[in-house]
C-alpha atoms as a PDB file:
ATOM      1  CA  MET A   1     -41.291   7.309 -34.541  1.00  0.00           C
ATOM      2  CA  ALA A   2     -37.684   6.497 -33.663  1.00  0.00           C
ATOM      3  CA  ASP A   3     -35.019   6.105 -36.330  1.00  0.00           C
ATOM      4  CA  THR A   4     -33.170   2.797 -36.400  1.00  0.00           C
ATOM      5  CA  LEU A   5     -29.379   2.780 -36.379  1.00  0.00           C
ATOM      6  CA  SER A   6     -27.263  -0.125 -37.450  1.00  0.00           C
ATOM      7  CA  ASN A   7     -25.998  -2.064 -34.462  1.00  0.00           C
ATOM      8  CA  GLU A   8     -22.400  -1.441 -35.523  1.00  0.00           C
ATOM      9  CA  GLU A   9     -22.981   2.319 -35.679  1.00  0.00           C
ATOM     10  CA  ALA A  10     -24.570   2.380 -32.219  1.00  0.00           C
ATOM     11  CA  LEU A  11     -21.921   0.075 -30.755  1.00  0.00           C
ATOM     12  CA  GLU A  12     -19.214   2.307 -32.211  1.00  0.00           C
ATOM     13  CA  ARG A  13     -20.719   5.307 -30.428  1.00  0.00           C
ATOM     14  CA  LEU A  14     -20.841   3.329 -27.171  1.00  0.00           C
ATOM     15  CA  ARG A  15     -17.228   2.219 -27.710  1.00  0.00           C
ATOM     16  CA  ASP A  16     -16.128   5.823 -28.246  1.00  0.00           C
ATOM     17  CA  ILE A  17     -17.640   6.980 -24.972  1.00  0.00           C
ATOM     18  CA  MET A  18     -16.290   3.994 -23.015  1.00  0.00           C
ATOM     19  CA  LYS A  19     -12.838   4.434 -24.584  1.00  0.00           C
ATOM     20  CA  ASP A  20     -12.650   8.077 -23.516  1.00  0.00           C
ATOM     21  CA  VAL A  21     -14.001   7.576 -19.974  1.00  0.00           C
ATOM     22  CA  ARG A  22     -11.494   5.479 -18.050  1.00  0.00           C
ATOM     23  CA  ILE A  23     -13.201   5.676 -14.642  1.00  0.00           C
ATOM     24  CA  CYS A  24     -16.819   4.572 -14.567  1.00  0.00           C
ATOM     25  CA  MET A  25     -19.378   3.714 -11.886  1.00  0.00           C
ATOM     26  CA  LEU A  26     -20.159   0.028 -11.317  1.00  0.00           C
ATOM     27  CA  THR A  27     -23.525  -0.561  -9.620  1.00  0.00           C
ATOM     28  CA  THR A  28     -24.411  -3.814  -7.870  1.00  0.00           C
ATOM     29  CA  VAL A  29     -27.371  -4.940  -5.762  1.00  0.00           C
ATOM     30  CA  GLU A  30     -26.660  -5.320  -2.043  1.00  0.00           C
ATOM     31  CA  ASN A  31     -28.246  -8.207  -0.091  1.00  0.00           C
ATOM     32  CA  SER A  32     -30.846  -5.774   1.295  1.00  0.00           C
ATOM     33  CA  GLY A  33     -31.855  -4.902  -2.273  1.00  0.00           C
ATOM     34  CA  GLU A  34     -30.209  -1.487  -2.077  1.00  0.00           C
ATOM     35  CA  LEU A  35     -28.139  -0.347  -5.052  1.00  0.00           C
ATOM     36  CA  ARG A  36     -24.412   0.296  -4.447  1.00  0.00           C
ATOM     37  CA  SER A  37     -22.159   2.166  -6.864  1.00  0.00           C
ATOM     38  CA  ARG A  38     -18.434   2.632  -6.786  1.00  0.00           C
ATOM     39  CA  PRO A  39     -15.822   4.063  -9.158  1.00  0.00           C
ATOM     40  CA  MET A  40     -13.869   1.486 -11.126  1.00  0.00           C
ATOM     41  CA  ALA A  41     -11.060   1.748 -13.674  1.00  0.00           C
ATOM     42  CA  ILE A  42     -12.102   0.020 -16.874  1.00  0.00           C
ATOM     43  CA  GLN A  43      -9.447  -2.070 -18.606  1.00  0.00           C
ATOM     44  CA  ASP A  44      -8.105  -0.765 -21.876  1.00  0.00           C
ATOM     45  CA  ALA A  45      -9.481  -3.445 -24.176  1.00  0.00           C
ATOM     46  CA  GLU A  46     -11.429  -3.314 -27.412  1.00  0.00           C
ATOM     47  CA  PHE A  47     -15.113  -3.589 -26.481  1.00  0.00           C
ATOM     48  CA  ASP A  48     -16.448  -6.895 -27.800  1.00  0.00           C
ATOM     49  CA  GLY A  49     -19.475  -7.067 -25.521  1.00  0.00           C
ATOM     50  CA  ASP A  50     -17.463  -7.551 -22.321  1.00  0.00           C
ATOM     51  CA  LEU A  51     -16.008  -5.036 -19.871  1.00  0.00           C
ATOM     52  CA  TRP A  52     -13.143  -5.984 -17.550  1.00  0.00           C
ATOM     53  CA  PHE A  53     -12.148  -4.654 -14.112  1.00  0.00           C
ATOM     54  CA  PHE A  54      -9.535  -5.613 -11.533  1.00  0.00           C
ATOM     55  CA  THR A  55     -10.850  -6.265  -8.028  1.00  0.00           C
ATOM     56  CA  ASN A  56     -10.001  -7.988  -4.780  1.00  0.00           C
ATOM     57  CA  GLU A  57     -11.782 -11.302  -4.433  1.00  0.00           C
ATOM     58  CA  SER A  58     -12.516 -10.414  -0.788  1.00  0.00           C
ATOM     59  CA  SER A  59     -14.300  -7.179  -1.795  1.00  0.00           C
ATOM     60  CA  PRO A  60     -17.950  -6.779  -0.709  1.00  0.00           C
ATOM     61  CA  LYS A  61     -18.890  -6.146  -4.358  1.00  0.00           C
ATOM     62  CA  VAL A  62     -17.836  -9.709  -5.177  1.00  0.00           C
ATOM     63  CA  ASP A  63     -20.251 -11.062  -2.540  1.00  0.00           C
ATOM     64  CA  GLU A  64     -22.982  -8.842  -3.999  1.00  0.00           C
ATOM     65  CA  ILE A  65     -22.273 -10.106  -7.519  1.00  0.00           C
ATOM     66  CA  GLN A  66     -22.273 -13.728  -6.410  1.00  0.00           C
ATOM     67  CA  ALA A  67     -25.739 -13.153  -4.888  1.00  0.00           C
ATOM     68  CA  ASP A  68     -27.087 -11.128  -7.852  1.00  0.00           C
ATOM     69  CA  ARG A  69     -25.074 -10.989 -11.077  1.00  0.00           C
ATOM     70  CA  GLU A  70     -27.094  -8.085 -12.566  1.00  0.00           C
ATOM     71  CA  VAL A  71     -24.994  -4.907 -12.738  1.00  0.00           C
ATOM     72  CA  ASN A  72     -24.964  -1.499 -14.363  1.00  0.00           C
ATOM     73  CA  VAL A  73     -21.916   0.445 -15.502  1.00  0.00           C
ATOM     74  CA  ALA A  74     -22.269   4.209 -16.052  1.00  0.00           C
ATOM     75  CA  PHE A  75     -19.885   6.432 -18.019  1.00  0.00           C
ATOM     76  CA  SER A  76     -19.850  10.225 -17.812  1.00  0.00           C
ATOM     77  CA  GLU A  77     -17.911  12.746 -19.869  1.00  0.00           C
ATOM     78  CA  PRO A  78     -19.638  16.040 -18.887  1.00  0.00           C
ATOM     79  CA  LYS A  79     -17.272  18.413 -20.705  1.00  0.00           C
ATOM     80  CA  ALA A  80     -18.126  16.711 -23.995  1.00  0.00           C
ATOM     81  CA  GLN A  81     -21.797  16.145 -23.049  1.00  0.00           C
ATOM     82  CA  ARG A  82     -21.450  12.385 -23.613  1.00  0.00           C
ATOM     83  CA  TYR A  83     -22.866   9.715 -21.328  1.00  0.00           C
ATOM     84  CA  ALA A  84     -23.487   5.973 -21.467  1.00  0.00           C
ATOM     85  CA  SER A  85     -25.082   3.367 -19.249  1.00  0.00           C
ATOM     86  CA  VAL A  86     -24.780  -0.368 -19.879  1.00  0.00           C
ATOM     87  CA  SER A  87     -26.434  -3.327 -18.158  1.00  0.00           C
ATOM     88  CA  GLY A  88     -25.363  -6.927 -18.002  1.00  0.00           C
ATOM     89  CA  THR A  89     -24.186  -9.778 -15.833  1.00  0.00           C
ATOM     90  CA  ALA A  90     -20.939  -9.862 -13.876  1.00  0.00           C
ATOM     91  CA  THR A  91     -18.703 -12.840 -13.218  1.00  0.00           C
ATOM     92  CA  LEU A  92     -15.556 -13.218 -11.129  1.00  0.00           C
ATOM     93  CA  VAL A  93     -12.680 -14.491 -13.287  1.00  0.00           C
ATOM     94  CA  ASN A  94      -9.363 -15.909 -12.073  1.00  0.00           C
ATOM     95  CA  ASP A  95      -7.419 -16.036 -15.326  1.00  0.00           C
ATOM     96  CA  ARG A  96      -3.722 -15.275 -14.889  1.00  0.00           C
ATOM     97  CA  GLN A  97      -3.182 -14.773 -18.636  1.00  0.00           C
ATOM     98  CA  LYS A  98      -6.008 -12.200 -18.807  1.00  0.00           C
ATOM     99  CA  MET A  99      -4.638 -10.431 -15.720  1.00  0.00           C
ATOM    100  CA  GLU A 100      -1.202 -10.177 -17.321  1.00  0.00           C
ATOM    101  CA  GLU A 101      -2.791  -8.854 -20.512  1.00  0.00           C
ATOM    102  CA  PHE A 102      -4.602  -6.052 -18.637  1.00  0.00           C
ATOM    103  CA  TRP A 103      -2.039  -5.294 -15.914  1.00  0.00           C
ATOM    104  CA  SER A 104      -0.360  -1.899 -15.718  1.00  0.00           C
ATOM    105  CA  PRO A 105       2.201  -0.808 -13.091  1.00  0.00           C
ATOM    106  CA  ALA A 106      -0.168   2.077 -12.253  1.00  0.00           C
ATOM    107  CA  TYR A 107      -2.540  -0.464 -10.646  1.00  0.00           C
ATOM    108  CA  LYS A 108      -0.030  -1.005  -7.841  1.00  0.00           C
ATOM    109  CA  ALA A 109      -1.605   2.029  -6.138  1.00  0.00           C
ATOM    110  CA  TRP A 110      -4.727  -0.101  -5.530  1.00  0.00           C
ATOM    111  CA  PHE A 111      -3.149  -3.535  -5.606  1.00  0.00           C
ATOM    112  CA  PRO A 112       0.320  -3.135  -3.971  1.00  0.00           C
ATOM    113  CA  LYS A 113       1.198  -6.842  -4.268  1.00  0.00           C
ATOM    114  CA  GLY A 114       0.552  -6.702  -8.000  1.00  0.00           C
ATOM    115  CA  LEU A 115      -0.109  -9.849  -9.958  1.00  0.00           C
ATOM    116  CA  GLU A 116       1.338 -11.917  -7.106  1.00  0.00           C
ATOM    117  CA  ASP A 117      -1.596 -10.993  -4.839  1.00  0.00           C
ATOM    118  CA  PRO A 118      -3.678 -14.163  -4.310  1.00  0.00           C
ATOM    119  CA  ASP A 119      -6.725 -11.932  -3.672  1.00  0.00           C
ATOM    120  CA  LEU A 120      -6.451 -10.265  -7.103  1.00  0.00           C
ATOM    121  CA  ALA A 121      -9.155 -11.194  -9.604  1.00  0.00           C
ATOM    122  CA  LEU A 122     -11.000  -9.812 -12.597  1.00  0.00           C
ATOM    123  CA  LEU A 123     -14.641  -8.874 -12.896  1.00  0.00           C
ATOM    124  CA  LYS A 124     -16.073  -9.544 -16.327  1.00  0.00           C
ATOM    125  CA  VAL A 125     -19.309  -7.768 -17.243  1.00  0.00           C
ATOM    126  CA  ASN A 126     -21.117  -9.306 -20.195  1.00  0.00           C
ATOM    127  CA  VAL A 127     -23.089  -6.361 -21.585  1.00  0.00           C
ATOM    128  CA  ARG A 128     -26.626  -7.085 -22.816  1.00  0.00           C
ATOM    129  CA  SER A 129     -27.868  -3.564 -23.451  1.00  0.00           C
ATOM    130  CA  GLY A 130     -26.936   0.061 -23.148  1.00  0.00           C
ATOM    131  CA  GLU A 131     -27.990   3.630 -23.715  1.00  0.00           C
ATOM    132  CA  LEU A 132     -26.005   6.616 -24.816  1.00  0.00           C
ATOM    133  CA  TRP A 133     -26.557  10.343 -24.763  1.00  0.00           C
ATOM    134  CA  ASP A 134     -24.377  12.435 -27.042  1.00  0.00           C
ATOM    135  CA  ALA A 135     -24.932  16.194 -27.262  1.00  0.00           C
ATOM    136  CA  PRO A 136     -22.955  19.041 -28.813  1.00  0.00           C
ATOM    137  CA  ALA A 137     -20.348  20.190 -26.298  1.00  0.00           C
ATOM    138  CA  SER A 138     -20.403  23.798 -27.437  1.00  0.00           C
ATOM    139  CA  GLY A 139     -22.153  26.200 -25.081  1.00  0.00           C
ATOM    140  CA  ILE A 140     -23.174  28.330 -28.052  1.00  0.00           C
ATOM    141  CA  VAL A 141     -24.873  25.362 -29.747  1.00  0.00           C
ATOM    142  CA  TYR A 142     -26.654  24.555 -26.481  1.00  0.00           C
ATOM    143  CA  LEU A 143     -27.830  28.160 -25.988  1.00  0.00           C
ATOM    144  CA  PHE A 144     -28.994  28.402 -29.599  1.00  0.00           C
ATOM    145  CA  GLY A 145     -30.987  25.164 -29.273  1.00  0.00           C
ATOM    146  CA  ALA A 146     -32.548  26.221 -25.969  1.00  0.00           C
ATOM    147  CA  ALA A 147     -33.477  29.651 -27.377  1.00  0.00           C
ATOM    148  CA  LYS A 148     -34.982  28.062 -30.493  1.00  0.00           C
ATOM    149  CA  ALA A 149     -37.066  25.731 -28.321  1.00  0.00           C
ATOM    150  CA  ALA A 150     -38.311  28.648 -26.229  1.00  0.00           C
ATOM    151  CA  ILE A 151     -39.330  30.603 -29.343  1.00  0.00           C
ATOM    152  CA  THR A 152     -40.995  27.692 -31.168  1.00  0.00           C
ATOM    153  CA  GLY A 153     -42.618  26.187 -28.069  1.00  0.00           C
ATOM    154  CA  LYS A 154     -41.117  22.782 -28.848  1.00  0.00           C
ATOM    155  CA  SER A 155     -39.043  20.947 -26.265  1.00  0.00           C
ATOM    156  CA  TYR A 156     -35.280  21.190 -26.616  1.00  0.00           C
ATOM    157  CA  GLU A 157     -33.514  18.005 -27.677  1.00  0.00           C
ATOM    158  CA  PRO A 158     -29.831  18.718 -27.096  1.00  0.00           C
ATOM    159  CA  GLY A 159     -28.404  15.674 -28.846  1.00  0.00           C
ATOM    160  CA  ASP A 160     -28.738  12.011 -29.678  1.00  0.00           C
ATOM    161  CA  HIS A 161     -30.120   9.383 -27.338  1.00  0.00           C
ATOM    162  CA  ALA A 162     -29.780   5.799 -28.514  1.00  0.00           C
ATOM    163  CA  LYS A 163     -30.800   2.524 -26.919  1.00  0.00           C
ATOM    164  CA  VAL A 164     -28.648  -0.456 -27.919  1.00  0.00           C
ATOM    165  CA  ASP A 165     -29.499  -4.138 -27.571  1.00  0.00           C
ATOM    166  CA  VAL A 166     -26.039  -5.688 -27.744  1.00  0.00           C
ATOM    167  CA  GLU A 167     -27.338  -9.276 -27.845  1.00  0.00           C
ATOM    168  CA  SER A 168     -29.906  -8.929 -30.648  1.00  0.00           C
ATOM    169  CA  GLY A 169     -27.962  -6.462 -32.751  1.00  0.00           C
ATOM    170  CA  THR A 170     -30.551  -3.675 -32.821  1.00  0.00           C
ATOM    171  CA  ALA A 171     -30.316  -0.035 -31.895  1.00  0.00           C
ATOM    172  CA  THR A 172     -32.876   2.736 -31.746  1.00  0.00           C
ATOM    173  CA  LEU A 173     -32.215   6.457 -31.868  1.00  0.00           C
ATOM    174  CA  ARG A 174     -34.628   8.148 -29.460  1.00  0.00           C
END
């Protein structure tokens, strides 16, 4: 039977992974039904249930989101053996104040016209649920766990796996 975590504890673990991984993979559904993923820079904001990304309004991903708002955002930090995947709905937002809040001069590499670009917009992902995988990063810990599993005949569980329902406030450690 799975152990239950407090929602705040599970959300904090999700926040930690998302805070440390600045480039994630945003997955949308193409008109053909095919999944499309692309790297996106997440905005440096305290996670309150929403994720924010800059985009061009003319981008194909915006058309995909307008046809099907369901998206997935995946985070990977392999050196630390930490991963997260969140699902939710995406919305295009044209809010100048929010853009100014999130803007960094480094974004000029992708958006050369900066905040003055009429094509610049934000994608807001309202997260409903997520999963995280958090394992010890040490190779020695991993080898010890794998060896122990081989000797005992039990499967190796390298770390924590939690499923988080952001909307209902429940989390389950798997």
